[in-house]
Amino acid sequence: GYGPRQPLLVISPFAKENFVDHSVTDQSS
């Protein structure tokens, strides 16, 4: 691993708005 790329979204009053994170994360993040 890491394996295939997948969607990941954060929905919250504290989420950045209309933001795309390019940093590397995985399921264990």
mmCIF file of all heavy atoms, coordinates in Angstrom:
data_MODEL
# 
_entry.id   MODEL 
# 
loop_
_atom_site.group_PDB 
_atom_site.id 
_atom_site.type_symbol 
_atom_site.label_atom_id 
_atom_site.label_alt_id 
_atom_site.label_comp_id 
_atom_site.label_asym_id 
_atom_site.label_entity_id 
_atom_site.label_seq_id 
_atom_site.pdbx_PDB_ins_code 
_atom_site.Cartn_x 
_atom_site.Cartn_y 
_atom_site.Cartn_z 
_atom_site.occupancy 
_atom_site.B_iso_or_equiv 
_atom_site.pdbx_formal_charge 
_atom_site.auth_seq_id 
_atom_site.auth_comp_id 
_atom_site.auth_asym_id 
_atom_site.auth_atom_id 
_atom_site.pdbx_PDB_model_num 
ATOM 1   N N   . GLY A 1 1  ? 0.820   -1.214 0.000  1.00 0.00 ? 1  GLY A N   1 
ATOM 2   C CA  . GLY A 1 1  ? 0.000   0.000  0.000  1.00 0.00 ? 1  GLY A CA  1 
ATOM 3   C C   . GLY A 1 1  ? 0.849   1.257  0.000  1.00 0.00 ? 1  GLY A C   1 
ATOM 4   O O   . GLY A 1 1  ? 2.045   1.198  0.246  1.00 0.00 ? 1  GLY A O   1 
ATOM 5   N N   . TYR A 1 2  ? 0.283   2.357  -0.303 1.00 0.00 ? 2  TYR A N   1 
ATOM 6   C CA  . TYR A 1 2  ? -1.134  2.604  -0.435 1.00 0.00 ? 2  TYR A CA  1 
ATOM 7   C C   . TYR A 1 2  ? -1.710  1.988  -1.704 1.00 0.00 ? 2  TYR A C   1 
ATOM 8   O O   . TYR A 1 2  ? -1.026  1.821  -2.713 1.00 0.00 ? 2  TYR A O   1 
ATOM 9   C CB  . TYR A 1 2  ? -1.414  4.096  -0.414 1.00 0.00 ? 2  TYR A CB  1 
ATOM 10  C CG  . TYR A 1 2  ? -1.069  4.754  0.921  1.00 0.00 ? 2  TYR A CG  1 
ATOM 11  C CD1 . TYR A 1 2  ? -0.529  6.031  0.957  1.00 0.00 ? 2  TYR A CD1 1 
ATOM 12  C CD2 . TYR A 1 2  ? -1.265  4.093  2.133  1.00 0.00 ? 2  TYR A CD2 1 
ATOM 13  C CE1 . TYR A 1 2  ? -0.217  6.642  2.171  1.00 0.00 ? 2  TYR A CE1 1 
ATOM 14  C CE2 . TYR A 1 2  ? -0.957  4.692  3.351  1.00 0.00 ? 2  TYR A CE2 1 
ATOM 15  C CZ  . TYR A 1 2  ? -0.435  5.977  3.364  1.00 0.00 ? 2  TYR A CZ  1 
ATOM 16  O OH  . TYR A 1 2  ? -0.113  6.563  4.553  1.00 0.00 ? 2  TYR A OH  1 
ATOM 17  N N   . GLY A 1 3  ? -3.021  1.709  -1.639 1.00 0.00 ? 3  GLY A N   1 
ATOM 18  C CA  . GLY A 1 3  ? -3.733  1.133  -2.755 1.00 0.00 ? 3  GLY A CA  1 
ATOM 19  C C   . GLY A 1 3  ? -4.419  2.198  -3.594 1.00 0.00 ? 3  GLY A C   1 
ATOM 20  O O   . GLY A 1 3  ? -3.939  3.327  -3.707 1.00 0.00 ? 3  GLY A O   1 
ATOM 21  N N   . PRO A 1 4  ? -5.583  1.887  -4.192 1.00 0.00 ? 4  PRO A N   1 
ATOM 22  C CA  . PRO A 1 4  ? -6.257  2.814  -5.096 1.00 0.00 ? 4  PRO A CA  1 
ATOM 23  C C   . PRO A 1 4  ? -6.755  4.091  -4.419 1.00 0.00 ? 4  PRO A C   1 
ATOM 24  O O   . PRO A 1 4  ? -7.025  4.121  -3.222 1.00 0.00 ? 4  PRO A O   1 
ATOM 25  C CB  . PRO A 1 4  ? -7.444  1.992  -5.619 1.00 0.00 ? 4  PRO A CB  1 
ATOM 26  C CG  . PRO A 1 4  ? -7.000  0.568  -5.469 1.00 0.00 ? 4  PRO A CG  1 
ATOM 27  C CD  . PRO A 1 4  ? -6.190  0.538  -4.217 1.00 0.00 ? 4  PRO A CD  1 
ATOM 28  N N   . ARG A 1 5  ? -6.904  5.130  -5.233 1.00 0.00 ? 5  ARG A N   1 
ATOM 29  C CA  . ARG A 1 5  ? -7.394  6.429  -4.756 1.00 0.00 ? 5  ARG A CA  1 
ATOM 30  C C   . ARG A 1 5  ? -8.916  6.413  -4.666 1.00 0.00 ? 5  ARG A C   1 
ATOM 31  O O   . ARG A 1 5  ? -9.596  5.864  -5.534 1.00 0.00 ? 5  ARG A O   1 
ATOM 32  C CB  . ARG A 1 5  ? -6.928  7.524  -5.723 1.00 0.00 ? 5  ARG A CB  1 
ATOM 33  C CG  . ARG A 1 5  ? -7.188  8.942  -5.240 1.00 0.00 ? 5  ARG A CG  1 
ATOM 34  C CD  . ARG A 1 5  ? -6.556  9.970  -6.162 1.00 0.00 ? 5  ARG A CD  1 
ATOM 35  N NE  . ARG A 1 5  ? -7.077  9.906  -7.511 1.00 0.00 ? 5  ARG A NE  1 
ATOM 36  C CZ  . ARG A 1 5  ? -7.271  10.968 -8.304 1.00 0.00 ? 5  ARG A CZ  1 
ATOM 37  N NH1 . ARG A 1 5  ? -6.988  12.183 -7.855 1.00 0.00 ? 5  ARG A NH1 1 
ATOM 38  N NH2 . ARG A 1 5  ? -7.720  10.811 -9.524 1.00 0.00 ? 5  ARG A NH2 1 
ATOM 39  N N   . GLN A 1 6  ? -9.447  7.054  -3.610 1.00 0.00 ? 6  GLN A N   1 
ATOM 40  C CA  . GLN A 1 6  ? -10.886 7.058  -3.359 1.00 0.00 ? 6  GLN A CA  1 
ATOM 41  C C   . GLN A 1 6  ? -11.355 8.444  -2.934 1.00 0.00 ? 6  GLN A C   1 
ATOM 42  O O   . GLN A 1 6  ? -10.553 9.271  -2.472 1.00 0.00 ? 6  GLN A O   1 
ATOM 43  C CB  . GLN A 1 6  ? -11.211 6.066  -2.238 1.00 0.00 ? 6  GLN A CB  1 
ATOM 44  C CG  . GLN A 1 6  ? -10.845 4.647  -2.562 1.00 0.00 ? 6  GLN A CG  1 
ATOM 45  C CD  . GLN A 1 6  ? -10.824 3.779  -1.324 1.00 0.00 ? 6  GLN A CD  1 
ATOM 46  O OE1 . GLN A 1 6  ? -10.567 4.232  -0.219 1.00 0.00 ? 6  GLN A OE1 1 
ATOM 47  N NE2 . GLN A 1 6  ? -11.094 2.501  -1.506 1.00 0.00 ? 6  GLN A NE2 1 
ATOM 48  N N   . PRO A 1 7  ? -12.658 8.703  -3.043 1.00 0.00 ? 7  PRO A N   1 
ATOM 49  C CA  . PRO A 1 7  ? -13.189 9.977  -2.526 1.00 0.00 ? 7  PRO A CA  1 
ATOM 50  C C   . PRO A 1 7  ? -13.072 10.058 -1.009 1.00 0.00 ? 7  PRO A C   1 
ATOM 51  O O   . PRO A 1 7  ? -13.157 9.046  -0.313 1.00 0.00 ? 7  PRO A O   1 
ATOM 52  C CB  . PRO A 1 7  ? -14.670 9.946  -2.947 1.00 0.00 ? 7  PRO A CB  1 
ATOM 53  C CG  . PRO A 1 7  ? -14.745 8.945  -4.048 1.00 0.00 ? 7  PRO A CG  1 
ATOM 54  C CD  . PRO A 1 7  ? -13.701 7.915  -3.727 1.00 0.00 ? 7  PRO A CD  1 
ATOM 55  N N   . LEU A 1 8  ? -12.891 11.263 -0.509 1.00 0.00 ? 8  LEU A N   1 
ATOM 56  C CA  . LEU A 1 8  ? -12.907 11.544 0.922  1.00 0.00 ? 8  LEU A CA  1 
ATOM 57  C C   . LEU A 1 8  ? -13.446 12.953 1.098  1.00 0.00 ? 8  LEU A C   1 
ATOM 58  O O   . LEU A 1 8  ? -12.902 13.896 0.511  1.00 0.00 ? 8  LEU A O   1 
ATOM 59  C CB  . LEU A 1 8  ? -11.499 11.438 1.523  1.00 0.00 ? 8  LEU A CB  1 
ATOM 60  C CG  . LEU A 1 8  ? -11.386 11.783 3.014  1.00 0.00 ? 8  LEU A CG  1 
ATOM 61  C CD1 . LEU A 1 8  ? -11.978 10.658 3.866  1.00 0.00 ? 8  LEU A CD1 1 
ATOM 62  C CD2 . LEU A 1 8  ? -9.934  12.028 3.411  1.00 0.00 ? 8  LEU A CD2 1 
ATOM 63  N N   . LEU A 1 9  ? -14.523 13.114 1.860  1.00 0.00 ? 9  LEU A N   1 
ATOM 64  C CA  . LEU A 1 9  ? -15.128 14.415 2.093  1.00 0.00 ? 9  LEU A CA  1 
ATOM 65  C C   . LEU A 1 9  ? -15.314 14.650 3.576  1.00 0.00 ? 9  LEU A C   1 
ATOM 66  O O   . LEU A 1 9  ? -15.571 13.701 4.331  1.00 0.00 ? 9  LEU A O   1 
ATOM 67  C CB  . LEU A 1 9  ? -16.493 14.533 1.396  1.00 0.00 ? 9  LEU A CB  1 
ATOM 68  C CG  . LEU A 1 9  ? -16.496 14.525 -0.133 1.00 0.00 ? 9  LEU A CG  1 
ATOM 69  C CD1 . LEU A 1 9  ? -16.658 13.098 -0.657 1.00 0.00 ? 9  LEU A CD1 1 
ATOM 70  C CD2 . LEU A 1 9  ? -17.613 15.408 -0.688 1.00 0.00 ? 9  LEU A CD2 1 
ATOM 71  N N   . VAL A 1 10 ? -15.183 15.899 3.997  1.00 0.00 ? 10 VAL A N   1 
ATOM 72  C CA  . VAL A 1 10 ? -15.464 16.321 5.363  1.00 0.00 ? 10 VAL A CA  1 
ATOM 73  C C   . VAL A 1 10 ? -16.570 17.362 5.326  1.00 0.00 ? 10 VAL A C   1 
ATOM 74  O O   . VAL A 1 10 ? -16.448 18.378 4.623  1.00 0.00 ? 10 VAL A O   1 
ATOM 75  C CB  . VAL A 1 10 ? -14.220 16.893 6.060  1.00 0.00 ? 10 VAL A CB  1 
ATOM 76  C CG1 . VAL A 1 10 ? -14.600 17.539 7.386  1.00 0.00 ? 10 VAL A CG1 1 
ATOM 77  C CG2 . VAL A 1 10 ? -13.184 15.801 6.280  1.00 0.00 ? 10 VAL A CG2 1 
ATOM 78  N N   . ILE A 1 11 ? -17.651 17.113 6.050  1.00 0.00 ? 11 ILE A N   1 
ATOM 79  C CA  . ILE A 1 11 ? -18.820 17.990 6.079  1.00 0.00 ? 11 ILE A CA  1 
ATOM 80  C C   . ILE A 1 11 ? -19.034 18.403 7.527  1.00 0.00 ? 11 ILE A C   1 
ATOM 81  O O   . ILE A 1 11 ? -19.275 17.561 8.392  1.00 0.00 ? 11 ILE A O   1 
ATOM 82  C CB  . ILE A 1 11 ? -20.052 17.257 5.515  1.00 0.00 ? 11 ILE A CB  1 
ATOM 83  C CG1 . ILE A 1 11 ? -19.784 16.839 4.062  1.00 0.00 ? 11 ILE A CG1 1 
ATOM 84  C CG2 . ILE A 1 11 ? -21.305 18.119 5.607  1.00 0.00 ? 11 ILE A CG2 1 
ATOM 85  C CD1 . ILE A 1 11 ? -20.738 15.814 3.532  1.00 0.00 ? 11 ILE A CD1 1 
ATOM 86  N N   . SER A 1 12 ? -18.922 19.689 7.790  1.00 0.00 ? 12 SER A N   1 
ATOM 87  C CA  . SER A 1 12 ? -18.935 20.155 9.178  1.00 0.00 ? 12 SER A CA  1 
ATOM 88  C C   . SER A 1 12 ? -19.015 21.673 9.198  1.00 0.00 ? 12 SER A C   1 
ATOM 89  O O   . SER A 1 12 ? -18.604 22.340 8.237  1.00 0.00 ? 12 SER A O   1 
ATOM 90  C CB  . SER A 1 12 ? -17.640 19.714 9.879  1.00 0.00 ? 12 SER A CB  1 
ATOM 91  O OG  . SER A 1 12 ? -17.506 20.299 11.158 1.00 0.00 ? 12 SER A OG  1 
ATOM 92  N N   . PRO A 1 13 ? -19.535 22.264 10.281 1.00 0.00 ? 13 PRO A N   1 
ATOM 93  C CA  . PRO A 1 13 ? -19.415 23.715 10.431 1.00 0.00 ? 13 PRO A CA  1 
ATOM 94  C C   . PRO A 1 13 ? -17.963 24.174 10.417 1.00 0.00 ? 13 PRO A C   1 
ATOM 95  O O   . PRO A 1 13 ? -17.690 25.349 10.159 1.00 0.00 ? 13 PRO A O   1 
ATOM 96  C CB  . PRO A 1 13 ? -20.055 23.983 11.803 1.00 0.00 ? 13 PRO A CB  1 
ATOM 97  C CG  . PRO A 1 13 ? -20.964 22.833 12.037 1.00 0.00 ? 13 PRO A CG  1 
ATOM 98  C CD  . PRO A 1 13 ? -20.285 21.658 11.395 1.00 0.00 ? 13 PRO A CD  1 
ATOM 99  N N   . PHE A 1 14 ? -17.038 23.252 10.678 1.00 0.00 ? 14 PHE A N   1 
ATOM 100 C CA  . PHE A 1 14 ? -15.613 23.593 10.721 1.00 0.00 ? 14 PHE A CA  1 
ATOM 101 C C   . PHE A 1 14 ? -14.858 23.177 9.466  1.00 0.00 ? 14 PHE A C   1 
ATOM 102 O O   . PHE A 1 14 ? -13.644 23.348 9.392  1.00 0.00 ? 14 PHE A O   1 
ATOM 103 C CB  . PHE A 1 14 ? -14.962 22.958 11.951 1.00 0.00 ? 14 PHE A CB  1 
ATOM 104 C CG  . PHE A 1 14 ? -15.530 23.448 13.248 1.00 0.00 ? 14 PHE A CG  1 
ATOM 105 C CD1 . PHE A 1 14 ? -16.453 22.677 13.945 1.00 0.00 ? 14 PHE A CD1 1 
ATOM 106 C CD2 . PHE A 1 14 ? -15.183 24.681 13.777 1.00 0.00 ? 14 PHE A CD2 1 
ATOM 107 C CE1 . PHE A 1 14 ? -16.998 23.117 15.147 1.00 0.00 ? 14 PHE A CE1 1 
ATOM 108 C CE2 . PHE A 1 14 ? -15.721 25.131 14.971 1.00 0.00 ? 14 PHE A CE2 1 
ATOM 109 C CZ  . PHE A 1 14 ? -16.625 24.352 15.659 1.00 0.00 ? 14 PHE A CZ  1 
ATOM 110 N N   . ALA A 1 15 ? -15.546 22.612 8.471  1.00 0.00 ? 15 ALA A N   1 
ATOM 111 C CA  . ALA A 1 15 ? -14.877 22.236 7.226  1.00 0.00 ? 15 ALA A CA  1 
ATOM 112 C C   . ALA A 1 15 ? -14.580 23.481 6.399  1.00 0.00 ? 15 ALA A C   1 
ATOM 113 O O   . ALA A 1 15 ? -15.375 24.421 6.344  1.00 0.00 ? 15 ALA A O   1 
ATOM 114 C CB  . ALA A 1 15 ? -15.754 21.277 6.430  1.00 0.00 ? 15 ALA A CB  1 
ATOM 115 N N   . LYS A 1 16 ? -13.428 23.492 5.745  1.00 0.00 ? 16 LYS A N   1 
ATOM 116 C CA  . LYS A 1 16 ? -13.144 24.571 4.811  1.00 0.00 ? 16 LYS A CA  1 
ATOM 117 C C   . LYS A 1 16 ? -14.152 24.519 3.675  1.00 0.00 ? 16 LYS A C   1 
ATOM 118 O O   . LYS A 1 16 ? -14.594 23.448 3.268  1.00 0.00 ? 16 LYS A O   1 
ATOM 119 C CB  . LYS A 1 16 ? -11.717 24.445 4.278  1.00 0.00 ? 16 LYS A CB  1 
ATOM 120 C CG  . LYS A 1 16 ? -10.642 24.685 5.330  1.00 0.00 ? 16 LYS A CG  1 
ATOM 121 C CD  . LYS A 1 16 ? -9.243  24.521 4.753  1.00 0.00 ? 16 LYS A CD  1 
ATOM 122 C CE  . LYS A 1 16 ? -8.178  24.761 5.813  1.00 0.00 ? 16 LYS A CE  1 
ATOM 123 N NZ  . LYS A 1 16 ? -6.803  24.537 5.296  1.00 0.00 ? 16 LYS A NZ  1 
ATOM 124 N N   . GLU A 1 17 ? -14.513 25.674 3.166  1.00 0.00 ? 17 GLU A N   1 
ATOM 125 C CA  . GLU A 1 17 ? -15.576 25.757 2.160  1.00 0.00 ? 17 GLU A CA  1 
ATOM 126 C C   . GLU A 1 17 ? -14.999 25.728 0.748  1.00 0.00 ? 17 GLU A C   1 
ATOM 127 O O   . GLU A 1 17 ? -14.042 26.442 0.440  1.00 0.00 ? 17 GLU A O   1 
ATOM 128 C CB  . GLU A 1 17 ? -16.392 27.038 2.356  1.00 0.00 ? 17 GLU A CB  1 
ATOM 129 C CG  . GLU A 1 17 ? -17.621 27.097 1.471  1.00 0.00 ? 17 GLU A CG  1 
ATOM 130 C CD  . GLU A 1 17 ? -18.541 28.261 1.830  1.00 0.00 ? 17 GLU A CD  1 
ATOM 131 O OE1 . GLU A 1 17 ? -18.176 29.041 2.733  1.00 0.00 ? 17 GLU A OE1 1 
ATOM 132 O OE2 . GLU A 1 17 ? -19.620 28.373 1.213  1.00 0.00 ? 17 GLU A OE2 1 
ATOM 133 N N   . ASN A 1 18 ? -15.596 24.845 -0.092 1.00 0.00 ? 18 ASN A N   1 
ATOM 134 C CA  . ASN A 1 18 ? -15.167 24.722 -1.492 1.00 0.00 ? 18 ASN A CA  1 
ATOM 135 C C   . ASN A 1 18 ? -13.655 24.524 -1.563 1.00 0.00 ? 18 ASN A C   1 
ATOM 136 O O   . ASN A 1 18 ? -12.941 25.201 -2.300 1.00 0.00 ? 18 ASN A O   1 
ATOM 137 C CB  . ASN A 1 18 ? -15.586 25.939 -2.303 1.00 0.00 ? 18 ASN A CB  1 
ATOM 138 C CG  . ASN A 1 18 ? -15.539 25.683 -3.803 1.00 0.00 ? 18 ASN A CG  1 
ATOM 139 O OD1 . ASN A 1 18 ? -15.399 24.539 -4.245 1.00 0.00 ? 18 ASN A OD1 1 
ATOM 140 N ND2 . ASN A 1 18 ? -15.647 26.745 -4.590 1.00 0.00 ? 18 ASN A ND2 1 
ATOM 141 N N   . PHE A 1 19 ? -13.180 23.550 -0.789 1.00 0.00 ? 19 PHE A N   1 
ATOM 142 C CA  . PHE A 1 19 ? -11.741 23.340 -0.624 1.00 0.00 ? 19 PHE A CA  1 
ATOM 143 C C   . PHE A 1 19 ? -11.366 21.942 -1.082 1.00 0.00 ? 19 PHE A C   1 
ATOM 144 O O   . PHE A 1 19 ? -12.073 20.970 -0.819 1.00 0.00 ? 19 PHE A O   1 
ATOM 145 C CB  . PHE A 1 19 ? -11.354 23.514 0.852  1.00 0.00 ? 19 PHE A CB  1 
ATOM 146 C CG  . PHE A 1 19 ? -9.908  23.234 1.150  1.00 0.00 ? 19 PHE A CG  1 
ATOM 147 C CD1 . PHE A 1 19 ? -8.926  24.156 0.829  1.00 0.00 ? 19 PHE A CD1 1 
ATOM 148 C CD2 . PHE A 1 19 ? -9.531  22.036 1.742  1.00 0.00 ? 19 PHE A CD2 1 
ATOM 149 C CE1 . PHE A 1 19 ? -7.588  23.894 1.100  1.00 0.00 ? 19 PHE A CE1 1 
ATOM 150 C CE2 . PHE A 1 19 ? -8.196  21.763 2.020  1.00 0.00 ? 19 PHE A CE2 1 
ATOM 151 C CZ  . PHE A 1 19 ? -7.222  22.704 1.689  1.00 0.00 ? 19 PHE A CZ  1 
ATOM 152 N N   . VAL A 1 20 ? -10.253 21.839 -1.798 1.00 0.00 ? 20 VAL A N   1 
ATOM 153 C CA  . VAL A 1 20 ? -9.709  20.551 -2.213 1.00 0.00 ? 20 VAL A CA  1 
ATOM 154 C C   . VAL A 1 20 ? -8.349  20.361 -1.558 1.00 0.00 ? 20 VAL A C   1 
ATOM 155 O O   . VAL A 1 20 ? -7.434  21.172 -1.751 1.00 0.00 ? 20 VAL A O   1 
ATOM 156 C CB  . VAL A 1 20 ? -9.576  20.455 -3.747 1.00 0.00 ? 20 VAL A CB  1 
ATOM 157 C CG1 . VAL A 1 20 ? -8.929  19.121 -4.138 1.00 0.00 ? 20 VAL A CG1 1 
ATOM 158 C CG2 . VAL A 1 20 ? -10.934 20.588 -4.417 1.00 0.00 ? 20 VAL A CG2 1 
ATOM 159 N N   . ASP A 1 21 ? -8.256  19.309 -0.776 1.00 0.00 ? 21 ASP A N   1 
ATOM 160 C CA  . ASP A 1 21 ? -7.008  18.994 -0.087 1.00 0.00 ? 21 ASP A CA  1 
ATOM 161 C C   . ASP A 1 21 ? -6.168  18.076 -0.974 1.00 0.00 ? 21 ASP A C   1 
ATOM 162 O O   . ASP A 1 21 ? -6.633  17.038 -1.417 1.00 0.00 ? 21 ASP A O   1 
ATOM 163 C CB  . ASP A 1 21 ? -7.323  18.299 1.241  1.00 0.00 ? 21 ASP A CB  1 
ATOM 164 C CG  . ASP A 1 21 ? -6.075  17.971 2.042  1.00 0.00 ? 21 ASP A CG  1 
ATOM 165 O OD1 . ASP A 1 21 ? -5.057  18.671 1.853  1.00 0.00 ? 21 ASP A OD1 1 
ATOM 166 O OD2 . ASP A 1 21 ? -6.116  17.028 2.855  1.00 0.00 ? 21 ASP A OD2 1 
ATOM 167 N N   . HIS A 1 22 ? -4.923  18.487 -1.227 1.00 0.00 ? 22 HIS A N   1 
ATOM 168 C CA  . HIS A 1 22 ? -4.024  17.691 -2.056 1.00 0.00 ? 22 HIS A CA  1 
ATOM 169 C C   . HIS A 1 22 ? -3.003  16.907 -1.234 1.00 0.00 ? 22 HIS A C   1 
ATOM 170 O O   . HIS A 1 22 ? -2.177  16.195 -1.810 1.00 0.00 ? 22 HIS A O   1 
ATOM 171 C CB  . HIS A 1 22 ? -3.275  18.591 -3.045 1.00 0.00 ? 22 HIS A CB  1 
ATOM 172 C CG  . HIS A 1 22 ? -4.170  19.435 -3.905 1.00 0.00 ? 22 HIS A CG  1 
ATOM 173 N ND1 . HIS A 1 22 ? -5.134  18.903 -4.733 1.00 0.00 ? 22 HIS A ND1 1 
ATOM 174 C CD2 . HIS A 1 22 ? -4.240  20.775 -4.054 1.00 0.00 ? 22 HIS A CD2 1 
ATOM 175 C CE1 . HIS A 1 22 ? -5.764  19.888 -5.366 1.00 0.00 ? 22 HIS A CE1 1 
ATOM 176 N NE2 . HIS A 1 22 ? -5.248  21.034 -4.963 1.00 0.00 ? 22 HIS A NE2 1 
ATOM 177 N N   . SER A 1 23 ? -3.036  17.042 0.092  1.00 0.00 ? 23 SER A N   1 
ATOM 178 C CA  . SER A 1 23 ? -2.083  16.304 0.913  1.00 0.00 ? 23 SER A CA  1 
ATOM 179 C C   . SER A 1 23 ? -2.446  14.822 0.936  1.00 0.00 ? 23 SER A C   1 
ATOM 180 O O   . SER A 1 23 ? -3.602  14.446 0.766  1.00 0.00 ? 23 SER A O   1 
ATOM 181 C CB  . SER A 1 23 ? -2.040  16.872 2.330  1.00 0.00 ? 23 SER A CB  1 
ATOM 182 O OG  . SER A 1 23 ? -3.292  16.744 2.972  1.00 0.00 ? 23 SER A OG  1 
ATOM 183 N N   . VAL A 1 24 ? -1.449  13.971 1.137  1.00 0.00 ? 24 VAL A N   1 
ATOM 184 C CA  . VAL A 1 24 ? -1.651  12.518 1.077  1.00 0.00 ? 24 VAL A CA  1 
ATOM 185 C C   . VAL A 1 24 ? -2.299  12.019 2.368  1.00 0.00 ? 24 VAL A C   1 
ATOM 186 O O   . VAL A 1 24 ? -1.795  12.272 3.467  1.00 0.00 ? 24 VAL A O   1 
ATOM 187 C CB  . VAL A 1 24 ? -0.318  11.787 0.849  1.00 0.00 ? 24 VAL A CB  1 
ATOM 188 C CG1 . VAL A 1 24 ? -0.529  10.271 0.880  1.00 0.00 ? 24 VAL A CG1 1 
ATOM 189 C CG2 . VAL A 1 24 ? 0.299   12.200 -0.479 1.00 0.00 ? 24 VAL A CG2 1 
ATOM 190 N N   . THR A 1 25 ? -3.428  11.335 2.214  1.00 0.00 ? 25 THR A N   1 
ATOM 191 C CA  . THR A 1 25 ? -4.085  10.672 3.339  1.00 0.00 ? 25 THR A CA  1 
ATOM 192 C C   . THR A 1 25 ? -4.499  9.259  2.921  1.00 0.00 ? 25 THR A C   1 
ATOM 193 O O   . THR A 1 25 ? -4.436  8.909  1.733  1.00 0.00 ? 25 THR A O   1 
ATOM 194 C CB  . THR A 1 25 ? -5.318  11.452 3.831  1.00 0.00 ? 25 THR A CB  1 
ATOM 195 O OG1 . THR A 1 25 ? -6.215  11.646 2.725  1.00 0.00 ? 25 THR A OG1 1 
ATOM 196 C CG2 . THR A 1 25 ? -4.920  12.809 4.405  1.00 0.00 ? 25 THR A CG2 1 
ATOM 197 N N   . ASP A 1 26 ? -4.919  8.468  3.886  1.00 0.00 ? 26 ASP A N   1 
ATOM 198 C CA  . ASP A 1 26 ? -5.403  7.125  3.593  1.00 0.00 ? 26 ASP A CA  1 
ATOM 199 C C   . ASP A 1 26 ? -6.501  6.791  4.592  1.00 0.00 ? 26 ASP A C   1 
ATOM 200 O O   . ASP A 1 26 ? -6.870  7.628  5.426  1.00 0.00 ? 26 ASP A O   1 
ATOM 201 C CB  . ASP A 1 26 ? -4.263  6.107  3.646  1.00 0.00 ? 26 ASP A CB  1 
ATOM 202 C CG  . ASP A 1 26 ? -3.821  5.794  5.063  1.00 0.00 ? 26 ASP A CG  1 
ATOM 203 O OD1 . ASP A 1 26 ? -3.314  6.699  5.750  1.00 0.00 ? 26 ASP A OD1 1 
ATOM 204 O OD2 . ASP A 1 26 ? -3.984  4.644  5.500  1.00 0.00 ? 26 ASP A OD2 1 
ATOM 205 N N   . GLN A 1 27 ? -7.031  5.577  4.507  1.00 0.00 ? 27 GLN A N   1 
ATOM 206 C CA  . GLN A 1 27 ? -8.131  5.196  5.397  1.00 0.00 ? 27 GLN A CA  1 
ATOM 207 C C   . GLN A 1 27 ? -7.751  5.342  6.866  1.00 0.00 ? 27 GLN A C   1 
ATOM 208 O O   . GLN A 1 27 ? -8.567  5.754  7.695  1.00 0.00 ? 27 GLN A O   1 
ATOM 209 C CB  . GLN A 1 27 ? -8.551  3.756  5.093  1.00 0.00 ? 27 GLN A CB  1 
ATOM 210 C CG  . GLN A 1 27 ? -9.274  3.609  3.765  1.00 0.00 ? 27 GLN A CG  1 
ATOM 211 C CD  . GLN A 1 27 ? -9.266  2.192  3.231  1.00 0.00 ? 27 GLN A CD  1 
ATOM 212 O OE1 . GLN A 1 27 ? -8.334  1.432  3.472  1.00 0.00 ? 27 GLN A OE1 1 
ATOM 213 N NE2 . GLN A 1 27 ? -10.306 1.832  2.492  1.00 0.00 ? 27 GLN A NE2 1 
ATOM 214 N N   . SER A 1 28 ? -6.501  5.049  7.201  1.00 0.00 ? 28 SER A N   1 
ATOM 215 C CA  . SER A 1 28 ? -6.090  5.150  8.596  1.00 0.00 ? 28 SER A CA  1 
ATOM 216 C C   . SER A 1 28 ? -5.892  6.589  9.048  1.00 0.00 ? 28 SER A C   1 
ATOM 217 O O   . SER A 1 28 ? -5.673  6.829  10.245 1.00 0.00 ? 28 SER A O   1 
ATOM 218 C CB  . SER A 1 28 ? -4.820  4.327  8.848  1.00 0.00 ? 28 SER A CB  1 
ATOM 219 O OG  . SER A 1 28 ? -3.692  4.906  8.235  1.00 0.00 ? 28 SER A OG  1 
ATOM 220 N N   . SER A 1 29 ? -5.999  7.559  8.137  1.00 0.00 ? 29 SER A N   1 
ATOM 221 C CA  . SER A 1 29 ? -5.983  8.964  8.558  1.00 0.00 ? 29 SER A CA  1 
ATOM 222 C C   . SER A 1 29 ? -7.218  9.291  9.400  1.00 0.00 ? 29 SER A C   1 
ATOM 223 O O   . SER A 1 29 ? -7.163  10.146 10.287 1.00 0.00 ? 29 SER A O   1 
ATOM 224 C CB  . SER A 1 29 ? -5.928  9.885  7.337  1.00 0.00 ? 29 SER A CB  1 
ATOM 225 O OG  . SER A 1 29 ? -4.705  9.741  6.644  1.00 0.00 ? 29 SER A OG  1 
# 
